[in-house]
Amino acid sequence: MENRLIALYDGTCCIDDFFVIETNAPEERLKELESQCLDIALNGGSEDEVPSWLDELTDEGFTFDFVDGCDNPDAKEWLAAEYPDVTEIYTKRYPAPAEDTYKIPMPYGWM
């Protein structure tokens, strides 16, 4: 598979952290990792249980290279302005950046 840019969301309801990553990992594999992360969060798992996407994917022979990042409340707008061609956005840590974020349980005993 050819390299492409994706976005990886990693944060809490307080701030949006987006990382732009260049990878050749298939979409199916990225969705599997995202699902693992969601399961860990929803089942009260600890942050230590969240897999390292870098380690997992490079161990499997895929590229996973940091390109850029933004860690402020306007990260979604930054991503849209700076990387409009990024169409794949994955979530590593929940809650996800959504209007109904409050409906997703806070992971890691945050509250």
N, C-alpha and C. Protein backbone atom coordinates (compact mmCIF):
# COMPACT_ATOMS: atom_id res chain seq x y z
N MET A 1 0.85 -1.18 0.00
CA MET A 1 0.00 0.00 0.00
C MET A 1 0.89 1.24 0.00
N GLU A 2 0.43 2.25 -0.67
CA GLU A 2 1.17 3.50 -0.80
C GLU A 2 1.05 4.35 0.47
N ASN A 3 2.10 5.13 0.76
CA ASN A 3 2.04 6.03 1.91
C ASN A 3 0.99 7.12 1.68
N ARG A 4 0.35 7.52 2.79
CA ARG A 4 -0.63 8.60 2.75
C ARG A 4 -0.63 9.29 4.11
N LEU A 5 -1.23 10.46 4.18
CA LEU A 5 -1.33 11.18 5.44
C LEU A 5 -2.65 10.82 6.11
N ILE A 6 -2.57 10.58 7.41
CA ILE A 6 -3.75 10.37 8.24
C ILE A 6 -3.65 11.29 9.44
N ALA A 7 -4.73 11.44 10.17
CA ALA A 7 -4.70 12.20 11.42
C ALA A 7 -5.02 11.25 12.55
N LEU A 8 -4.33 11.45 13.66
CA LEU A 8 -4.54 10.65 14.86
C LEU A 8 -4.91 11.59 15.99
N TYR A 9 -6.10 11.41 16.54
CA TYR A 9 -6.58 12.21 17.67
C TYR A 9 -6.15 11.51 18.95
N ASP A 10 -5.61 12.27 19.86
CA ASP A 10 -5.13 11.72 21.12
C ASP A 10 -5.37 12.76 22.19
N GLY A 11 -6.42 12.59 23.00
CA GLY A 11 -6.68 13.62 23.99
C GLY A 11 -7.83 13.31 24.90
N THR A 12 -8.31 14.33 25.55
CA THR A 12 -9.44 14.23 26.46
C THR A 12 -10.47 15.25 26.04
N CYS A 13 -11.53 15.38 26.83
CA CYS A 13 -12.56 16.36 26.47
C CYS A 13 -12.07 17.79 26.69
N CYS A 14 -10.96 17.98 27.33
CA CYS A 14 -10.46 19.32 27.64
C CYS A 14 -9.72 19.97 26.48
N ILE A 15 -9.07 19.16 25.66
CA ILE A 15 -8.24 19.70 24.60
C ILE A 15 -8.17 18.69 23.47
N ASP A 16 -8.07 19.16 22.25
CA ASP A 16 -7.92 18.29 21.09
C ASP A 16 -6.45 18.24 20.70
N ASP A 17 -5.89 17.04 20.61
CA ASP A 17 -4.53 16.86 20.13
C ASP A 17 -4.61 16.08 18.83
N PHE A 18 -4.14 16.68 17.75
CA PHE A 18 -4.13 15.99 16.47
C PHE A 18 -2.69 15.87 16.00
N PHE A 19 -2.37 14.68 15.50
CA PHE A 19 -1.07 14.42 14.92
C PHE A 19 -1.29 14.00 13.48
N VAL A 20 -0.52 14.56 12.58
CA VAL A 20 -0.56 14.14 11.19
C VAL A 20 0.56 13.12 11.02
N ILE A 21 0.19 11.97 10.52
CA ILE A 21 1.10 10.83 10.40
C ILE A 21 1.13 10.38 8.95
N GLU A 22 2.33 10.02 8.47
CA GLU A 22 2.45 9.39 7.16
C GLU A 22 2.58 7.89 7.39
N THR A 23 1.72 7.13 6.75
CA THR A 23 1.73 5.68 6.96
C THR A 23 1.30 4.94 5.70
N ASN A 24 1.66 3.68 5.66
CA ASN A 24 1.17 2.81 4.59
C ASN A 24 0.35 1.66 5.18
N ALA A 25 0.01 1.77 6.45
CA ALA A 25 -0.81 0.75 7.10
C ALA A 25 -2.22 0.77 6.49
N PRO A 26 -2.79 -0.40 6.25
CA PRO A 26 -4.14 -0.43 5.69
C PRO A 26 -5.18 0.12 6.64
N GLU A 27 -6.21 0.69 6.07
CA GLU A 27 -7.29 1.28 6.85
C GLU A 27 -7.88 0.26 7.84
N GLU A 28 -8.00 -0.98 7.43
CA GLU A 28 -8.57 -2.02 8.30
C GLU A 28 -7.74 -2.19 9.57
N ARG A 29 -6.40 -2.16 9.42
CA ARG A 29 -5.52 -2.33 10.58
C ARG A 29 -5.63 -1.12 11.51
N LEU A 30 -5.72 0.06 10.95
CA LEU A 30 -5.86 1.27 11.77
C LEU A 30 -7.19 1.26 12.53
N LYS A 31 -8.24 0.78 11.87
CA LYS A 31 -9.53 0.68 12.54
C LYS A 31 -9.50 -0.35 13.66
N GLU A 32 -8.72 -1.42 13.49
CA GLU A 32 -8.57 -2.42 14.56
C GLU A 32 -7.91 -1.79 15.78
N LEU A 33 -6.85 -1.02 15.56
CA LEU A 33 -6.19 -0.34 16.68
C LEU A 33 -7.13 0.64 17.36
N GLU A 34 -7.86 1.39 16.57
CA GLU A 34 -8.82 2.34 17.12
C GLU A 34 -9.86 1.62 17.97
N SER A 35 -10.34 0.50 17.49
CA SER A 35 -11.33 -0.29 18.23
C SER A 35 -10.76 -0.81 19.55
N GLN A 36 -9.51 -1.26 19.53
CA GLN A 36 -8.84 -1.70 20.76
C GLN A 36 -8.82 -0.57 21.78
N CYS A 37 -8.47 0.62 21.32
CA CYS A 37 -8.39 1.78 22.22
C CYS A 37 -9.76 2.11 22.81
N LEU A 38 -10.79 2.05 21.99
CA LEU A 38 -12.14 2.31 22.47
C LEU A 38 -12.54 1.28 23.51
N ASP A 39 -12.27 0.01 23.24
CA ASP A 39 -12.61 -1.05 24.19
C ASP A 39 -11.91 -0.83 25.54
N ILE A 40 -10.66 -0.44 25.49
CA ILE A 40 -9.90 -0.19 26.73
C ILE A 40 -10.55 0.95 27.51
N ALA A 41 -10.90 2.04 26.81
CA ALA A 41 -11.50 3.20 27.48
C ALA A 41 -12.86 2.87 28.06
N LEU A 42 -13.69 2.19 27.28
CA LEU A 42 -15.05 1.89 27.74
C LEU A 42 -15.09 0.85 28.85
N ASN A 43 -14.06 0.04 28.94
CA ASN A 43 -14.02 -1.00 29.97
C ASN A 43 -13.17 -0.59 31.18
N GLY A 44 -12.86 0.70 31.28
CA GLY A 44 -12.16 1.22 32.45
C GLY A 44 -10.69 0.87 32.51
N GLY A 45 -10.10 0.54 31.36
CA GLY A 45 -8.68 0.20 31.32
C GLY A 45 -7.79 1.39 31.63
N SER A 46 -6.55 1.11 31.90
CA SER A 46 -5.60 2.18 32.23
C SER A 46 -4.90 2.66 30.96
N GLU A 47 -4.31 3.82 31.07
CA GLU A 47 -3.57 4.40 29.95
C GLU A 47 -2.44 3.48 29.51
N ASP A 48 -1.88 2.73 30.45
CA ASP A 48 -0.79 1.81 30.13
C ASP A 48 -1.23 0.68 29.19
N GLU A 49 -2.52 0.42 29.14
CA GLU A 49 -3.04 -0.65 28.28
C GLU A 49 -3.23 -0.20 26.83
N VAL A 50 -3.23 1.10 26.59
CA VAL A 50 -3.43 1.62 25.24
C VAL A 50 -2.19 1.27 24.41
N PRO A 51 -2.39 0.58 23.28
CA PRO A 51 -1.24 0.18 22.47
C PRO A 51 -0.52 1.36 21.84
N SER A 52 0.77 1.21 21.68
CA SER A 52 1.56 2.20 20.96
C SER A 52 1.38 1.93 19.47
N TRP A 53 0.72 2.84 18.80
CA TRP A 53 0.47 2.65 17.37
C TRP A 53 1.79 2.57 16.62
N LEU A 54 2.75 3.39 17.00
CA LEU A 54 4.07 3.37 16.36
C LEU A 54 4.69 1.99 16.48
N ASP A 55 4.76 1.46 17.69
CA ASP A 55 5.38 0.15 17.91
C ASP A 55 4.63 -0.95 17.19
N GLU A 56 3.31 -0.96 17.33
CA GLU A 56 2.50 -2.02 16.71
C GLU A 56 2.70 -2.04 15.20
N LEU A 57 2.59 -0.88 14.58
CA LEU A 57 2.61 -0.84 13.11
C LEU A 57 4.00 -1.04 12.54
N THR A 58 5.02 -0.46 13.17
CA THR A 58 6.37 -0.67 12.64
C THR A 58 6.82 -2.11 12.87
N ASP A 59 6.41 -2.73 13.97
CA ASP A 59 6.71 -4.15 14.19
C ASP A 59 6.08 -5.03 13.11
N GLU A 60 4.97 -4.57 12.55
CA GLU A 60 4.28 -5.31 11.50
C GLU A 60 4.81 -4.95 10.10
N GLY A 61 5.82 -4.07 10.05
CA GLY A 61 6.45 -3.73 8.78
C GLY A 61 5.87 -2.52 8.07
N PHE A 62 4.98 -1.79 8.73
CA PHE A 62 4.39 -0.60 8.12
C PHE A 62 5.18 0.64 8.52
N THR A 63 5.05 1.70 7.73
CA THR A 63 5.64 2.99 8.12
C THR A 63 4.63 3.72 9.00
N PHE A 64 5.15 4.55 9.88
CA PHE A 64 4.31 5.35 10.77
C PHE A 64 5.16 6.52 11.25
N ASP A 65 5.20 7.57 10.43
CA ASP A 65 6.10 8.69 10.66
C ASP A 65 5.35 9.97 11.00
N PHE A 66 5.78 10.64 12.07
CA PHE A 66 5.20 11.91 12.50
C PHE A 66 5.51 12.97 11.46
N VAL A 67 4.49 13.74 11.07
CA VAL A 67 4.66 14.82 10.11
C VAL A 67 4.45 16.17 10.80
N ASP A 68 3.38 16.29 11.59
CA ASP A 68 3.03 17.56 12.21
C ASP A 68 2.04 17.29 13.33
N GLY A 69 1.80 18.29 14.16
CA GLY A 69 0.84 18.13 15.23
C GLY A 69 0.35 19.46 15.76
N CYS A 70 -0.76 19.39 16.45
CA CYS A 70 -1.36 20.58 17.05
C CYS A 70 -2.04 20.17 18.34
N ASP A 71 -1.77 20.90 19.41
CA ASP A 71 -2.33 20.53 20.71
C ASP A 71 -3.02 21.70 21.39
N ASN A 72 -3.99 22.25 20.70
CA ASN A 72 -4.75 23.34 21.30
C ASN A 72 -6.23 23.16 21.01
N PRO A 73 -7.08 23.94 21.63
CA PRO A 73 -8.53 23.77 21.44
C PRO A 73 -9.01 23.96 20.01
N ASP A 74 -8.19 24.58 19.16
CA ASP A 74 -8.57 24.79 17.76
C ASP A 74 -7.95 23.76 16.83
N ALA A 75 -7.57 22.60 17.35
CA ALA A 75 -6.85 21.60 16.56
C ALA A 75 -7.66 21.11 15.37
N LYS A 76 -8.97 20.93 15.53
CA LYS A 76 -9.78 20.46 14.39
C LYS A 76 -9.75 21.48 13.25
N GLU A 77 -9.83 22.77 13.59
CA GLU A 77 -9.78 23.80 12.58
C GLU A 77 -8.40 23.85 11.92
N TRP A 78 -7.35 23.69 12.75
CA TRP A 78 -5.98 23.66 12.23
C TRP A 78 -5.82 22.53 11.23
N LEU A 79 -6.30 21.36 11.58
CA LEU A 79 -6.18 20.20 10.70
C LEU A 79 -6.88 20.47 9.37
N ALA A 80 -8.08 21.01 9.42
CA ALA A 80 -8.84 21.29 8.19
C ALA A 80 -8.14 22.34 7.32
N ALA A 81 -7.53 23.33 7.96
CA ALA A 81 -6.86 24.40 7.21
C ALA A 81 -5.51 23.96 6.65
N GLU A 82 -4.74 23.25 7.45
CA GLU A 82 -3.38 22.88 7.05
C GLU A 82 -3.30 21.60 6.22
N TYR A 83 -4.21 20.69 6.46
CA TYR A 83 -4.18 19.38 5.79
C TYR A 83 -5.58 19.01 5.29
N PRO A 84 -6.11 19.79 4.34
CA PRO A 84 -7.48 19.53 3.88
C PRO A 84 -7.65 18.18 3.18
N ASP A 85 -6.57 17.58 2.71
CA ASP A 85 -6.66 16.30 2.02
C ASP A 85 -6.68 15.11 2.96
N VAL A 86 -6.47 15.34 4.23
CA VAL A 86 -6.51 14.24 5.20
C VAL A 86 -7.97 13.86 5.42
N THR A 87 -8.31 12.66 5.03
CA THR A 87 -9.70 12.21 5.16
C THR A 87 -9.85 11.09 6.18
N GLU A 88 -8.73 10.48 6.58
CA GLU A 88 -8.78 9.42 7.58
C GLU A 88 -8.37 10.01 8.92
N ILE A 89 -9.28 9.98 9.88
CA ILE A 89 -8.99 10.46 11.23
C ILE A 89 -9.30 9.33 12.20
N TYR A 90 -8.32 8.96 12.98
CA TYR A 90 -8.46 7.87 13.95
C TYR A 90 -8.30 8.42 15.36
N THR A 91 -8.86 7.73 16.30
CA THR A 91 -8.81 8.16 17.70
C THR A 91 -8.05 7.15 18.52
N LYS A 92 -7.00 7.63 19.19
CA LYS A 92 -6.20 6.75 20.04
C LYS A 92 -6.70 6.76 21.47
N ARG A 93 -7.08 7.93 21.96
CA ARG A 93 -7.58 8.03 23.34
C ARG A 93 -8.91 8.74 23.32
N TYR A 94 -9.82 8.23 24.10
CA TYR A 94 -11.18 8.74 24.15
C TYR A 94 -11.36 9.60 25.38
N PRO A 95 -12.36 10.45 25.42
CA PRO A 95 -13.47 10.59 24.50
C PRO A 95 -13.05 11.24 23.19
N ALA A 96 -13.78 10.91 22.16
CA ALA A 96 -13.50 11.41 20.82
C ALA A 96 -13.96 12.85 20.68
N PRO A 97 -13.41 13.58 19.73
CA PRO A 97 -13.84 14.97 19.51
C PRO A 97 -15.20 14.98 18.82
N ALA A 98 -16.25 15.06 19.61
CA ALA A 98 -17.60 15.03 19.06
C ALA A 98 -18.50 15.94 19.86
N GLU A 99 -19.61 16.29 19.28
CA GLU A 99 -20.56 17.16 19.97
C GLU A 99 -21.10 16.51 21.23
N ASP A 100 -21.20 15.19 21.22
CA ASP A 100 -21.75 14.49 22.38
C ASP A 100 -20.65 13.79 23.18
N THR A 101 -19.50 14.44 23.30
CA THR A 101 -18.38 13.87 24.03
C THR A 101 -18.77 13.45 25.44
N TYR A 102 -19.65 14.21 26.08
CA TYR A 102 -20.03 13.92 27.46
C TYR A 102 -20.69 12.56 27.60
N LYS A 103 -21.19 11.97 26.50
CA LYS A 103 -21.86 10.67 26.57
C LYS A 103 -20.87 9.51 26.63
N ILE A 104 -19.61 9.76 26.30
CA ILE A 104 -18.60 8.71 26.31
C ILE A 104 -17.94 8.71 27.69
N PRO A 105 -17.87 7.58 28.36
CA PRO A 105 -17.28 7.54 29.71
C PRO A 105 -15.84 8.05 29.71
N MET A 106 -15.48 8.78 30.74
CA MET A 106 -14.13 9.28 30.87
C MET A 106 -13.18 8.13 31.18
N PRO A 107 -12.12 7.96 30.40
CA PRO A 107 -11.19 6.87 30.66
C PRO A 107 -10.24 7.19 31.80
N TYR A 108 -9.66 6.15 32.32
CA TYR A 108 -8.54 6.24 33.27
C TYR A 108 -8.90 6.95 34.57
N GLY A 109 -10.16 6.88 34.99
CA GLY A 109 -10.57 7.50 36.24
C GLY A 109 -10.38 8.99 36.26
N TRP A 110 -10.56 9.64 35.13
CA TRP A 110 -10.28 11.06 34.99
C TRP A 110 -11.11 11.92 35.92
N MET A 111 -12.39 11.57 36.13
CA MET A 111 -13.23 12.42 36.96
C MET A 111 -13.59 11.74 38.25
